[in-house]
Protein backbone atom coordinates (compact mmCIF):
# COMPACT_ATOMS: atom_id res chain seq x y z
CA MET A 1 0.00 0.00 0.00
CA LYS A 2 1.37 3.41 -0.97
CA TRP A 3 0.82 5.68 2.01
CA GLU A 4 4.06 7.51 2.81
CA ASN A 5 3.36 10.61 0.72
CA ASN A 6 -0.34 10.90 1.56
CA ARG A 7 -1.81 13.50 3.87
CA GLU A 8 -1.71 12.54 7.55
CA SER A 9 -4.73 13.40 9.67
CA ASP A 10 -4.34 15.82 12.56
CA GLN A 11 -7.15 13.98 14.38
CA VAL A 12 -4.85 11.39 15.98
CA GLU A 13 -4.67 11.42 19.76
CA ASP A 14 -1.60 9.56 21.00
CA ARG A 15 -2.11 8.25 24.54
CA ARG A 16 0.57 5.58 24.37
CA SER A 17 2.89 7.45 26.73
CA SER A 18 0.19 8.49 29.22
CA PRO A 19 -0.30 6.55 32.48
CA SER A 20 -3.96 5.87 31.70
CA GLY A 21 -3.04 4.29 28.38
CA GLY A 22 -0.02 2.48 29.67
CA GLY A 23 -1.25 -1.07 29.53
CA ARG A 24 -2.62 -3.44 32.11
CA ARG A 25 -3.78 -7.00 32.17
CA ILE A 26 -7.42 -7.89 32.62
CA GLY A 27 -8.46 -9.37 35.93
CA GLY A 28 -4.87 -9.67 37.10
CA ARG A 29 -3.76 -12.16 34.45
CA SER A 30 -3.29 -12.24 30.70
CA LEU A 31 -5.82 -13.73 28.31
CA GLY A 32 -5.19 -16.00 25.36
CA LEU A 33 -6.47 -15.73 21.80
CA GLY A 34 -9.28 -18.21 22.46
CA THR A 35 -10.64 -16.15 25.34
CA ILE A 36 -10.43 -12.96 23.34
CA ALA A 37 -12.18 -14.60 20.40
CA ILE A 38 -15.07 -15.69 22.62
CA ALA A 39 -15.55 -12.11 23.78
CA LEU A 40 -15.36 -10.77 20.24
CA VAL A 41 -17.90 -13.26 18.98
CA ALA A 42 -20.25 -12.43 21.87
CA GLY A 43 -20.41 -8.82 20.76
CA TRP A 44 -17.43 -6.70 19.80
CA ILE A 45 -18.93 -3.27 19.91
CA PHE A 46 -22.69 -3.01 19.92
CA GLY A 47 -23.78 -6.37 21.23
CA ILE A 48 -23.02 -8.05 24.53
CA ASN A 49 -20.29 -6.11 26.27
CA PRO A 50 -17.05 -7.95 25.47
CA MET A 51 -15.27 -6.24 28.37
CA SER A 52 -17.66 -7.79 30.85
CA ILE A 53 -17.11 -11.21 29.32
CA LEU A 54 -13.34 -10.80 29.40
CA GLY A 55 -13.49 -9.71 33.01
CA ALA A 56 -15.55 -12.73 34.00
CA LEU A 57 -13.34 -15.18 32.11
CA SER A 58 -10.21 -13.75 33.70
CA GLY A 59 -11.63 -13.84 37.21
CA GLY A 60 -11.67 -10.10 37.59
CA GLY A 61 -15.37 -9.27 37.23
CA ASP A 62 -16.53 -6.50 34.94
CA VAL A 63 -13.66 -4.41 33.66
CA ALA A 64 -15.78 -1.44 32.68
CA GLU A 65 -18.52 0.53 34.34
CA HIS A 66 -20.73 2.47 31.95
CA SER A 67 -21.35 5.81 33.60
CA GLY A 68 -22.72 7.44 30.46
CA GLN A 69 -20.28 10.30 30.96
CA VAL A 70 -17.30 11.10 28.80
CA GLN A 71 -13.98 10.51 30.54
CA THR A 72 -11.24 12.65 29.11
CA VAL A 73 -7.50 12.26 28.84
CA PRO A 74 -5.29 15.23 27.94
CA ARG A 75 -4.07 15.18 24.39
CA SER A 76 -0.35 15.00 23.78
CA GLY A 77 -0.59 17.86 21.27
CA GLU A 78 1.85 16.08 18.95
CA LYS A 79 1.39 13.88 15.93
CA PRO A 80 2.85 10.39 16.20
CA THR A 81 6.30 10.26 14.65
CA ASP A 82 6.90 6.50 14.61
CA ASP A 83 6.18 4.59 11.41
CA MET A 84 3.07 2.79 12.68
CA GLY A 85 1.64 5.98 14.15
CA ARG A 86 2.22 7.84 10.90
CA PHE A 87 0.70 4.96 8.94
CA VAL A 88 -2.48 5.13 11.01
CA ALA A 89 -2.59 8.92 10.58
CA SER A 90 -2.24 8.49 6.83
CA VAL A 91 -5.06 5.94 6.65
CA LEU A 92 -7.28 8.18 8.76
CA GLY A 93 -6.47 11.13 6.51
CA GLY A 94 -7.57 9.09 3.52
CA THR A 95 -10.89 8.25 5.16
CA GLU A 96 -11.45 11.94 5.91
CA ASP A 97 -10.86 12.91 2.29
CA VAL A 98 -13.22 10.24 0.96
CA TRP A 99 -16.09 10.74 3.39
CA THR A 100 -15.86 14.54 3.27
CA GLN A 101 -16.28 14.34 -0.51
CA LEU A 102 -19.17 11.87 -0.38
CA PHE A 103 -21.03 13.79 2.33
CA GLN A 104 -20.62 17.04 0.37
CA GLN A 105 -22.09 15.38 -2.70
CA SER A 106 -25.22 14.60 -0.69
CA GLY A 107 -25.42 18.13 0.74
CA ALA A 108 -24.14 17.19 4.22
CA GLN A 109 -21.02 17.96 6.24
CA TYR A 110 -18.75 15.18 7.42
CA GLN A 111 -17.64 15.38 11.05
CA LYS A 112 -14.20 13.88 11.41
CA PRO A 113 -13.69 11.31 14.17
CA THR A 114 -10.63 11.27 16.39
CA LEU A 115 -8.46 8.17 16.36
CA VAL A 116 -6.88 7.33 19.72
CA LEU A 117 -3.69 5.29 20.01
CA PHE A 118 -3.33 3.62 23.39
CA ARG A 119 -1.67 0.72 25.16
CA GLY A 120 -3.45 -1.82 27.33
CA ALA A 121 -6.44 0.16 28.56
CA THR A 122 -7.83 3.68 28.32
CA PRO A 123 -10.91 5.57 29.53
CA ILE A 124 -13.61 6.07 26.90
CA ALA A 125 -17.11 7.51 26.90
CA CYS A 126 -18.47 3.96 26.95
CA GLY A 127 -16.45 2.90 30.04
CA THR A 128 -12.94 1.49 29.64
CA GLY A 129 -11.39 0.40 26.37
CA GLN A 130 -9.20 -2.68 26.41
CA SER A 131 -6.57 -3.88 23.95
CA ALA A 132 -8.31 -7.27 23.90
CA MET A 133 -11.27 -5.68 22.12
CA GLY A 134 -9.20 -4.96 19.04
CA PRO A 135 -9.81 -1.69 17.19
CA PHE A 136 -13.25 -0.30 18.06
CA TYR A 137 -15.47 2.75 17.74
CA CYS A 138 -17.23 4.45 20.65
CA PRO A 139 -20.26 6.48 19.49
CA GLY A 140 -20.40 8.25 22.86
CA ASP A 141 -17.29 10.30 22.09
CA GLN A 142 -17.10 9.68 18.32
CA LYS A 143 -13.61 8.24 18.56
CA VAL A 144 -11.91 5.22 17.04
CA TYR A 145 -9.58 3.40 19.43
CA THR A 146 -6.72 1.07 18.63
CA ASP A 147 -3.83 -0.52 20.44
CA LEU A 148 -1.28 -1.08 17.71
CA SER A 149 -0.38 -4.45 19.22
CA PHE A 150 -3.57 -5.71 17.56
CA HIS A 151 -1.80 -5.49 14.23
CA ASP A 152 0.78 -7.96 15.56
CA THR A 153 -2.10 -10.24 16.57
CA LEU A 154 -3.65 -9.83 13.14
CA ARG A 155 -0.41 -10.81 11.46
CA GLN A 156 1.02 -13.44 13.80
CA GLN A 157 -1.97 -15.17 15.38
CA LEU A 158 -4.81 -14.62 12.92
CA GLY A 159 -2.71 -15.11 9.81
CA ALA A 160 -3.60 -11.79 8.16
CA PRO A 161 -0.37 -9.87 7.45
CA GLY A 162 0.09 -6.77 5.35
CA ASP A 163 -0.31 -3.02 5.68
CA PHE A 164 -3.52 -2.96 3.66
CA ALA A 165 -5.05 -5.53 6.01
CA GLN A 166 -4.33 -3.10 8.85
CA ALA A 167 -5.76 -0.19 6.84
CA TYR A 168 -8.95 -2.16 6.16
CA VAL A 169 -9.50 -2.72 9.88
CA ILE A 170 -9.12 1.00 10.61
CA ALA A 171 -11.34 2.00 7.68
CA ARG A 172 -14.18 -0.28 8.81
CA GLU A 173 -14.13 1.25 12.30
CA VAL A 174 -14.41 4.66 10.65
CA GLY A 175 -17.34 3.06 8.83
CA HIS A 176 -19.04 2.71 12.22
CA HIS A 177 -18.54 6.45 12.69
CA VAL A 178 -20.23 7.07 9.35
CA GLN A 179 -23.13 4.90 10.53
CA ASN A 180 -23.35 7.03 13.66
CA LEU A 181 -23.51 10.22 11.60
CA LEU A 182 -26.18 8.73 9.33
CA GLY A 183 -28.36 7.81 12.31
CA THR A 184 -27.99 4.04 11.93
CA THR A 185 -26.46 3.64 15.38
CA ASP A 186 -29.45 5.32 17.04
CA LYS A 187 -31.81 3.03 15.16
CA MET A 188 -29.85 0.03 16.42
CA ASP A 189 -30.13 1.26 20.00
CA GLN A 190 -33.89 1.52 19.54
CA ALA A 191 -34.06 -1.96 18.01
CA ARG A 192 -32.21 -3.41 20.98
CA GLN A 193 -35.12 -2.49 23.25
CA ARG A 194 -37.73 -4.40 21.23
CA SER A 195 -35.72 -7.36 19.94
CA SER A 196 -34.80 -10.73 21.34
CA GLU A 197 -31.11 -11.55 21.64
CA ARG A 198 -31.24 -13.69 18.53
CA GLU A 199 -33.04 -11.01 16.53
CA PHE A 200 -30.65 -8.31 17.66
CA ASN A 201 -27.61 -10.44 16.84
CA ALA A 202 -28.97 -10.75 13.30
CA LEU A 203 -29.24 -6.96 13.09
CA LEU A 204 -25.70 -6.60 14.42
CA VAL A 205 -24.43 -8.80 11.61
CA ARG A 206 -26.06 -6.44 9.10
CA LEU A 207 -24.57 -3.42 10.85
CA GLU A 208 -21.10 -4.93 10.72
CA ARG A 209 -21.47 -5.95 7.08
CA GLN A 210 -22.30 -2.36 6.22
CA ALA A 211 -19.10 -1.22 7.96
CA ASP A 212 -17.17 -3.68 5.77
CA CYS A 213 -18.89 -2.24 2.72
CA PHE A 214 -18.00 1.29 3.82
CA ALA A 215 -14.37 0.19 4.13
CA GLY A 216 -14.60 -0.94 0.52
CA ILE A 217 -15.94 2.49 -0.47
CA TRP A 218 -12.90 4.08 1.18
CA ALA A 219 -10.55 1.81 -0.76
CA HIS A 220 -12.39 2.51 -4.03
CA HIS A 221 -12.18 6.29 -3.82
CA ASN A 222 -8.79 6.50 -2.12
CA HIS A 223 -7.24 4.45 -4.90
CA GLN A 224 -9.13 6.41 -7.54
CA ASN A 225 -7.80 9.68 -6.13
CA LYS A 226 -4.32 8.67 -4.94
CA GLN A 227 -3.46 5.31 -6.53
CA ILE A 228 -2.69 3.73 -3.16
CA LEU A 229 -3.22 0.08 -4.11
CA GLU A 230 -0.34 -2.22 -4.94
CA PRO A 231 -0.45 -5.84 -6.15
CA GLY A 232 -1.72 -8.09 -3.37
CA ASP A 233 -3.38 -5.35 -1.32
CA ILE A 234 -6.97 -6.44 -2.01
CA GLU A 235 -6.04 -10.02 -1.17
CA GLU A 236 -4.65 -8.78 2.16
CA ALA A 237 -7.93 -7.08 3.02
CA LEU A 238 -10.00 -10.11 2.01
CA ASN A 239 -7.72 -12.35 4.06
CA ALA A 240 -8.17 -10.09 7.09
CA ALA A 241 -11.95 -10.09 6.58
CA ALA A 242 -11.89 -13.88 6.53
CA ALA A 243 -9.67 -14.12 9.61
CA ILE A 244 -12.06 -12.10 11.79
CA GLY A 245 -15.32 -13.65 10.61
CA ASP A 246 -17.46 -15.06 13.41
CA ASP A 247 -17.21 -18.58 12.04
CA ALA A 248 -13.41 -18.40 11.81
CA LEU A 249 -13.07 -17.00 15.34
CA GLN A 250 -15.44 -19.60 16.78
CA ARG A 251 -13.51 -22.43 15.16
CA LYS A 252 -10.32 -21.11 16.74
CA SER A 253 -11.83 -20.65 20.17
CA GLN A 254 -14.28 -23.53 20.58
CA CYS A 255 -13.97 -25.78 17.53
CA ALA A 256 -17.67 -25.34 16.82
CA VAL A 257 -19.71 -22.77 14.91
CA VAL A 258 -22.94 -21.38 16.41
CA PRO A 259 -24.62 -19.16 13.78
CA ASP A 260 -27.30 -17.83 16.14
CA SER A 261 -24.56 -16.19 18.22
CA PHE A 262 -22.97 -14.38 15.28
CA THR A 263 -22.68 -10.60 15.70
CA HIS A 264 -20.24 -9.81 12.88
CA GLY A 265 -21.09 -12.34 10.18
CA THR A 266 -19.19 -15.09 8.42
CA SER A 267 -15.87 -14.70 6.69
CA ALA A 268 -17.59 -15.02 3.30
CA GLN A 269 -20.11 -12.29 4.19
CA ARG A 270 -17.38 -9.92 5.30
CA GLN A 271 -15.45 -10.48 2.10
CA ARG A 272 -18.54 -10.12 -0.08
CA TRP A 273 -19.61 -6.77 1.36
CA PHE A 274 -16.10 -5.29 1.36
CA THR A 275 -15.91 -6.24 -2.32
CA THR A 276 -19.33 -4.66 -2.96
CA GLY A 277 -18.16 -1.31 -1.61
CA LEU A 278 -14.81 -1.60 -3.38
CA GLN A 279 -16.42 -2.20 -6.77
CA SER A 280 -19.25 0.34 -6.54
CA GLY A 281 -17.86 3.16 -4.41
CA GLN A 282 -21.45 4.16 -3.62
CA ILE A 283 -23.18 4.41 -0.24
CA LYS A 284 -26.48 3.16 -1.69
CA SER A 285 -24.83 -0.13 -2.63
CA CYS A 286 -24.14 -0.76 1.06
CA ASP A 287 -27.74 -1.27 2.13
CA THR A 288 -27.21 -4.45 4.15
CA PHE A 289 -30.52 -4.14 6.00
CA SER A 290 -32.90 -4.71 3.07
CA PRO A 291 -31.68 -7.99 1.49
CA ARG A 292 -33.14 -11.21 2.88
CA GLN A 293 -29.78 -12.93 2.47
CA LEU A 294 -26.37 -11.42 3.21
């Protein structure tokens, strides 16, 4: 992926050197990939709180209390200067350019999210963010959070190497921010109140598939405008999509697949909807809520 000469976003908040983002283990001991996968499958962002599950599995109880109030951490005031930090800033800058253009075309204004780099754990508007959650979006403060160690996990443990695989993961979390701006997140919160767990899980799958499609839209327009793609990049993204499908994670963690518990969708679904966004570049093509089959 060609990123070095692209514009870097100034919306990156680097907490890696702050005490509150300085890393800690959950429940007093470390957790393995299988435990993390169980929590992710149970509900990475919008479903069952994965932090509560991780806390219970590690013997430490809930690791986050949801006060409903934004907890703030002072910004460093400096852009990251290390290669991975600059890479993330470049990817975020690309998402800003694409979504600003698309929102303007529809007569709206795009509100840029902040991307927070942290280590271990950090306070968020939704409680406490943990590295074990992987990259995630918190609608309460409109920020994307990532511990860059996840990219090592993606490469070494999940078998999804490559810089474009990492960019895809960031772009799909920005996709959740776009959903928040479009009002989809509020509709999901309302649906949670009137749906059974099984019904809501099915809606979560559609929400996540749309975020994959939005990541494809980013790749489509960013390449069209800046020629960022190199041979093998799309394969890296599709491999990453497959590696974090619910079916793939469940096979790794429990050797059995339970479709009714899916909250993110299968590997094939994730790949299909990323490809849909990549090929069309249009928001209307990412309507994952209308089709009977994903």
